[in-house]
């Protein structure tokens, strides 16, 4: 009789592999997900241990765009492990990791999303790891190290938080939608974004601002908010969260932003998305 493969959940319990929502996903995707989960959890341990150390803080694009040695240590650990285990894969990391690969697989890494929150001790920061295959995001892992929660998904095979299935909230009414957003590091851009938020606020239930795009997308996936939008993001900010949100039944769109750089990132249940996109265009966030 063939032994049944088991996996250990984040809570420490052992689950049969066939009980996971992606049990029928291709084995190579399951293996990539397991590796991404291990790397994210270990990076989260660096975050936790780093809270007891003095932080060395630097700035990047602006005085409000912060980076610490914990960001760099987390990314270095992830990249070194990948170099040893999957040397043919490409890597793109927020803190400068950039490696070309030959396998068609690319790892997109934010080693500490929510650095400002982390520095202040505000409990909203995470590790974000996505895996693209031939340019298509297939695997997403976001480990909320501030709360010890693991969000995971394989594209098309469902999403979980701590091994419990999650689903985007079906909310068709914009007026009663709870909406998350974030702001740029550039002061002039934040003023424009603030004007948009002031208009949106009167048309929805309320606004939430958590300070981490990866977790905002996971919150949309889990139904903790009904919709989310943000401008001026980079691929490592949204790559993993987008996989998780889509696998949980949300739509994720990248429409053209009216100001700032790059596309906007917008997520909502399909029942809400048309009205939400229309509101963002009306209020000047999108063209």
Protein backbone atom coordinates (compact mmCIF):
# COMPACT_ATOMS: atom_id res chain seq x y z
CA UNK A 1 0.00 0.00 0.00
CA UNK A 2 1.39 3.43 -0.92
CA UNK A 3 2.06 5.71 2.04
CA UNK A 4 -0.08 8.84 2.11
CA UNK A 5 2.05 12.01 2.02
CA UNK A 6 1.47 14.43 4.91
CA UNK A 7 2.40 18.07 5.46
CA UNK A 8 2.78 20.08 8.64
CA UNK A 9 0.53 23.11 8.98
CA UNK A 10 1.64 26.42 10.49
CA UNK A 11 -0.24 25.48 13.68
CA UNK A 12 1.98 22.41 14.04
CA UNK A 13 -0.74 19.86 13.20
CA UNK A 14 -0.20 17.35 10.43
CA UNK A 15 -2.56 17.38 7.47
CA UNK A 16 -2.89 14.86 4.65
CA UNK A 17 -1.58 16.48 1.48
CA UNK A 18 -4.77 15.54 -0.36
CA UNK A 19 -6.80 17.70 2.06
CA UNK A 20 -5.17 20.90 0.84
CA UNK A 21 -7.10 22.91 -1.80
CA UNK A 22 -4.24 22.58 -4.28
CA UNK A 23 -3.89 18.81 -3.90
CA UNK A 24 -4.76 18.40 -7.59
CA UNK A 25 -2.37 21.14 -8.74
CA UNK A 26 0.72 20.04 -10.67
CA UNK A 27 3.33 18.65 -8.30
CA UNK A 28 5.99 21.16 -9.34
CA UNK A 29 3.68 24.03 -8.29
CA UNK A 30 3.04 22.37 -4.93
CA UNK A 31 6.79 22.04 -4.43
CA UNK A 32 7.37 25.68 -5.32
CA UNK A 33 4.63 26.69 -2.88
CA UNK A 34 6.15 24.60 -0.10
CA UNK A 35 9.58 26.14 -0.68
CA UNK A 36 8.18 29.68 -0.80
CA UNK A 37 6.30 29.00 2.45
CA UNK A 38 9.46 27.74 4.19
CA UNK A 39 11.45 30.76 3.00
CA UNK A 40 8.75 33.21 4.08
CA UNK A 41 8.42 31.64 7.51
CA UNK A 42 12.19 31.72 8.04
CA UNK A 43 12.36 35.35 6.92
CA UNK A 44 9.59 36.08 9.40
CA UNK A 45 11.79 34.66 12.15
CA UNK A 46 14.44 37.21 11.17
CA UNK A 47 11.79 39.91 11.61
CA UNK A 48 10.86 38.62 15.06
CA UNK A 49 14.45 38.34 16.28
CA UNK A 50 15.21 41.76 14.81
CA UNK A 51 12.67 43.41 17.09
CA UNK A 52 15.09 42.84 19.97
CA UNK A 53 17.98 44.54 18.18
CA UNK A 54 18.91 48.15 17.51
CA UNK A 55 17.82 48.98 13.96
CA UNK A 56 20.09 50.66 11.42
CA UNK A 57 17.74 52.76 9.32
CA UNK A 58 18.48 54.30 5.93
CA UNK A 59 16.36 56.11 3.35
CA UNK A 60 15.85 55.22 -0.31
CA UNK A 61 13.68 57.18 -2.76
CA UNK A 62 12.62 59.85 -0.23
CA UNK A 63 13.02 60.72 3.46
CA UNK A 64 9.87 58.67 4.17
CA UNK A 65 11.02 55.58 2.20
CA UNK A 66 12.85 53.58 4.86
CA UNK A 67 14.96 50.43 4.85
CA UNK A 68 16.61 48.59 7.73
CA UNK A 69 19.22 45.89 8.06
CA UNK A 70 16.34 43.45 8.72
CA UNK A 71 15.02 44.03 5.18
CA UNK A 72 18.48 43.28 3.81
CA UNK A 73 19.16 40.27 6.03
CA UNK A 74 15.80 38.73 5.14
CA UNK A 75 16.37 39.16 1.42
CA UNK A 76 19.93 37.85 1.64
CA UNK A 77 18.77 34.68 3.41
CA UNK A 78 16.03 34.04 0.83
CA UNK A 79 18.33 34.64 -2.14
CA UNK A 80 21.14 32.49 -0.72
CA UNK A 81 18.75 29.60 -0.12
CA UNK A 82 17.33 29.90 -3.62
CA UNK A 83 20.83 30.04 -5.12
CA UNK A 84 21.62 26.77 -3.42
CA UNK A 85 18.33 24.98 -4.06
CA UNK A 86 17.27 26.42 -7.44
CA UNK A 87 20.35 27.96 -9.09
CA UNK A 88 18.75 28.18 -12.54
CA UNK A 89 15.84 30.40 -11.43
CA UNK A 90 15.69 34.18 -11.83
CA UNK A 91 15.24 36.47 -8.82
CA UNK A 92 13.86 39.98 -8.36
CA UNK A 93 14.05 41.46 -4.87
CA UNK A 94 13.17 44.86 -3.49
CA UNK A 95 16.54 45.35 -1.84
CA UNK A 96 18.53 44.86 -5.03
CA UNK A 97 18.59 41.13 -5.69
CA UNK A 98 18.51 40.64 -9.45
CA UNK A 99 19.49 37.36 -11.02
CA UNK A 100 18.89 36.09 -14.53
CA UNK A 101 17.78 32.49 -14.88
CA UNK A 102 17.39 29.82 -17.53
CA UNK A 103 14.55 27.75 -16.03
CA UNK A 104 11.64 30.06 -16.87
CA UNK A 105 10.96 30.48 -13.14
CA UNK A 106 11.33 33.85 -11.40
CA UNK A 107 11.02 34.60 -7.69
CA UNK A 108 9.67 38.07 -6.85
CA UNK A 109 10.52 38.97 -3.27
CA UNK A 110 9.65 41.69 -0.79
CA UNK A 111 11.61 40.62 2.28
CA UNK A 112 9.83 43.06 4.61
CA UNK A 113 6.72 44.76 3.27
CA UNK A 114 5.68 47.46 5.72
CA UNK A 115 9.15 48.54 6.82
CA UNK A 116 7.88 51.78 8.37
CA UNK A 117 5.33 49.80 10.39
CA UNK A 118 8.09 47.44 11.52
CA UNK A 119 10.38 50.28 12.60
CA UNK A 120 7.58 51.88 14.61
CA UNK A 121 6.36 48.57 16.04
CA UNK A 122 3.01 48.96 14.31
CA UNK A 123 1.67 45.39 13.86
CA UNK A 124 1.31 45.16 10.09
CA UNK A 125 4.33 43.86 8.19
CA UNK A 126 5.03 40.76 6.16
CA UNK A 127 7.24 38.71 3.85
CA UNK A 128 5.94 38.50 0.29
CA UNK A 129 7.17 35.85 -2.17
CA UNK A 130 5.68 35.18 -5.60
CA UNK A 131 6.78 32.64 -8.19
CA UNK A 132 6.30 33.37 -11.88
CA UNK A 133 6.60 30.71 -14.56
CA UNK A 134 7.24 31.96 -18.08
CA UNK A 135 6.16 35.41 -16.96
CA UNK A 136 2.87 34.30 -15.38
CA UNK A 137 2.38 34.53 -11.59
CA UNK A 138 1.53 31.05 -10.37
CA UNK A 139 2.36 30.89 -6.65
CA UNK A 140 1.89 33.47 -3.91
CA UNK A 141 2.93 33.40 -0.26
CA UNK A 142 2.54 36.27 2.20
CA UNK A 143 3.62 35.61 5.77
CA UNK A 144 2.21 38.19 8.19
CA UNK A 145 5.10 38.02 10.64
CA UNK A 146 3.46 40.63 12.89
CA UNK A 147 0.61 38.21 13.62
CA UNK A 148 2.05 34.80 12.65
CA UNK A 149 -0.44 34.26 9.80
CA UNK A 150 0.42 32.59 6.51
CA UNK A 151 -1.54 33.39 3.34
CA UNK A 152 -0.85 31.04 0.41
CA UNK A 153 -2.21 30.22 -3.01
CA UNK A 154 -1.59 28.47 -6.28
CA UNK A 155 -3.21 30.23 -9.21
CA UNK A 156 -6.53 28.55 -10.04
CA UNK A 157 -6.47 26.23 -7.03
CA UNK A 158 -7.76 28.33 -4.15
CA UNK A 159 -6.20 30.34 -1.34
CA UNK A 160 -5.80 29.74 2.38
CA UNK A 161 -4.86 31.54 5.57
CA UNK A 162 -3.22 29.14 8.03
CA UNK A 163 -4.59 26.26 5.94
CA UNK A 164 -8.19 27.50 6.18
CA UNK A 165 -9.79 28.41 2.81
CA UNK A 166 -10.43 32.11 2.27
CA UNK A 167 -12.75 33.85 -0.17
CA UNK A 168 -13.30 37.40 -1.32
CA UNK A 169 -16.45 38.93 0.10
CA UNK A 170 -19.32 39.21 -2.38
CA UNK A 171 -20.29 42.82 -1.90
CA UNK A 172 -22.15 44.49 -4.79
CA UNK A 173 -23.03 47.73 -2.98
CA UNK A 174 -20.33 50.39 -3.22
CA UNK A 175 -21.96 52.54 -0.52
CA UNK A 176 -21.45 49.83 2.11
CA UNK A 177 -18.01 48.64 0.93
CA UNK A 178 -15.02 48.77 3.26
CA UNK A 179 -12.07 49.91 1.13
CA UNK A 180 -8.30 49.76 1.72
CA UNK A 181 -5.65 51.93 0.12
CA UNK A 182 -2.09 53.16 0.53
CA UNK A 183 -0.02 56.20 -0.29
CA UNK A 184 3.15 57.10 -2.16
CA UNK A 185 6.44 58.06 -0.54
CA UNK A 186 6.48 61.27 -2.58
CA UNK A 187 4.89 64.20 -0.70
CA UNK A 188 3.36 65.86 -3.77
CA UNK A 189 1.88 62.56 -4.88
CA UNK A 190 0.42 61.95 -1.43
CA UNK A 191 -1.39 65.28 -1.60
CA UNK A 192 -3.02 64.24 -4.88
CA UNK A 193 -3.88 60.84 -3.44
CA UNK A 194 -5.35 62.48 -0.35
CA UNK A 195 -7.70 64.49 -2.55
CA UNK A 196 -8.91 61.27 -4.19
CA UNK A 197 -9.39 59.56 -0.82
CA UNK A 198 -11.45 62.49 0.45
CA UNK A 199 -13.84 62.01 -2.46
CA UNK A 200 -13.94 58.21 -2.19
CA UNK A 201 -14.59 58.36 1.55
CA UNK A 202 -18.03 59.89 1.08
CA UNK A 203 -19.06 57.16 -1.34
CA UNK A 204 -18.10 54.02 0.61
CA UNK A 205 -18.56 52.59 4.11
CA UNK A 206 -15.07 53.60 5.27
CA UNK A 207 -11.37 53.59 4.39
CA UNK A 208 -8.58 51.49 5.89
CA UNK A 209 -4.86 52.23 5.49
CA UNK A 210 -2.60 49.43 6.72
CA UNK A 211 0.74 50.39 5.24
CA UNK A 212 1.51 47.15 3.41
CA UNK A 213 0.21 46.35 -0.06
CA UNK A 214 0.85 42.62 0.32
CA UNK A 215 -1.38 42.37 3.39
CA UNK A 216 -4.02 44.69 1.90
CA UNK A 217 -4.40 42.28 -1.01
CA UNK A 218 -4.58 39.34 1.39
CA UNK A 219 -7.25 41.16 3.38
CA UNK A 220 -9.25 41.59 0.18
CA UNK A 221 -8.76 37.86 -0.46
CA UNK A 222 -10.00 36.95 3.01
CA UNK A 223 -12.99 39.31 2.97
CA UNK A 224 -11.57 41.59 5.68
CA UNK A 225 -12.06 44.47 3.22
CA UNK A 226 -14.30 44.61 0.16
CA UNK A 227 -11.90 46.42 -2.19
CA UNK A 228 -8.41 47.84 -2.43
CA UNK A 229 -6.54 50.26 -4.65
CA UNK A 230 -3.09 51.81 -4.64
CA UNK A 231 -0.74 53.70 -6.95
CA UNK A 232 3.06 53.82 -7.23
CA UNK A 233 3.68 50.18 -6.41
CA UNK A 234 6.48 47.92 -7.63
CA UNK A 235 6.09 44.26 -8.67
CA UNK A 236 7.41 42.92 -5.37
CA UNK A 237 4.69 44.86 -3.53
CA UNK A 238 1.78 43.14 -5.23
CA UNK A 239 3.02 40.00 -7.00
CA UNK A 240 2.24 37.45 -4.28
CA UNK A 241 -0.84 39.23 -2.94
CA UNK A 242 -2.36 39.37 -6.41
CA UNK A 243 -2.03 35.59 -6.82
CA UNK A 244 -3.71 35.08 -3.44
CA UNK A 245 -6.52 37.56 -4.10
CA UNK A 246 -7.33 36.06 -7.50
CA UNK A 247 -7.22 32.51 -6.16
CA UNK A 248 -9.70 33.60 -3.47
CA UNK A 249 -12.17 34.85 -6.07
CA UNK A 250 -11.31 38.55 -6.28
CA UNK A 251 -10.57 40.36 -9.51
CA UNK A 252 -7.22 42.13 -9.67
CA UNK A 253 -6.74 44.79 -12.35
CA UNK A 254 -3.83 47.02 -13.34
CA UNK A 255 -5.47 50.04 -14.99
CA UNK A 256 -3.61 53.18 -15.98
CA UNK A 257 -3.11 55.58 -13.08
CA UNK A 258 -3.97 59.26 -13.57
CA UNK A 259 -0.74 60.33 -11.85
CA UNK A 260 2.39 58.80 -10.39
CA UNK A 261 4.39 55.97 -11.96
CA UNK A 262 3.30 52.60 -13.26
CA UNK A 263 -0.19 51.13 -13.30
CA UNK A 264 -2.60 51.24 -10.41
CA UNK A 265 -3.40 48.03 -8.55
CA UNK A 266 -7.13 47.47 -7.93
CA UNK A 267 -8.75 44.45 -6.27
CA UNK A 268 -12.40 43.69 -5.53
CA UNK A 269 -14.99 40.96 -5.90
CA UNK A 270 -16.29 40.78 -9.48
CA UNK A 271 -19.70 42.00 -8.26
CA UNK A 272 -18.15 45.25 -7.04
CA UNK A 273 -15.30 45.82 -9.49
CA UNK A 274 -17.17 47.72 -12.27
CA UNK A 275 -18.62 50.27 -9.85
CA UNK A 276 -15.34 50.56 -7.96
CA UNK A 277 -13.32 51.21 -11.13
CA UNK A 278 -15.89 53.78 -12.23
CA UNK A 279 -15.56 55.57 -8.87
CA UNK A 280 -11.78 55.65 -9.09
CA UNK A 281 -11.97 57.16 -12.58
CA UNK A 282 -14.58 59.70 -11.46
CA UNK A 283 -12.47 60.81 -8.49
CA UNK A 284 -9.25 61.15 -10.50
CA UNK A 285 -7.24 58.11 -9.44
CA UNK A 286 -7.47 56.44 -12.87
CA UNK A 287 -7.60 57.71 -16.42
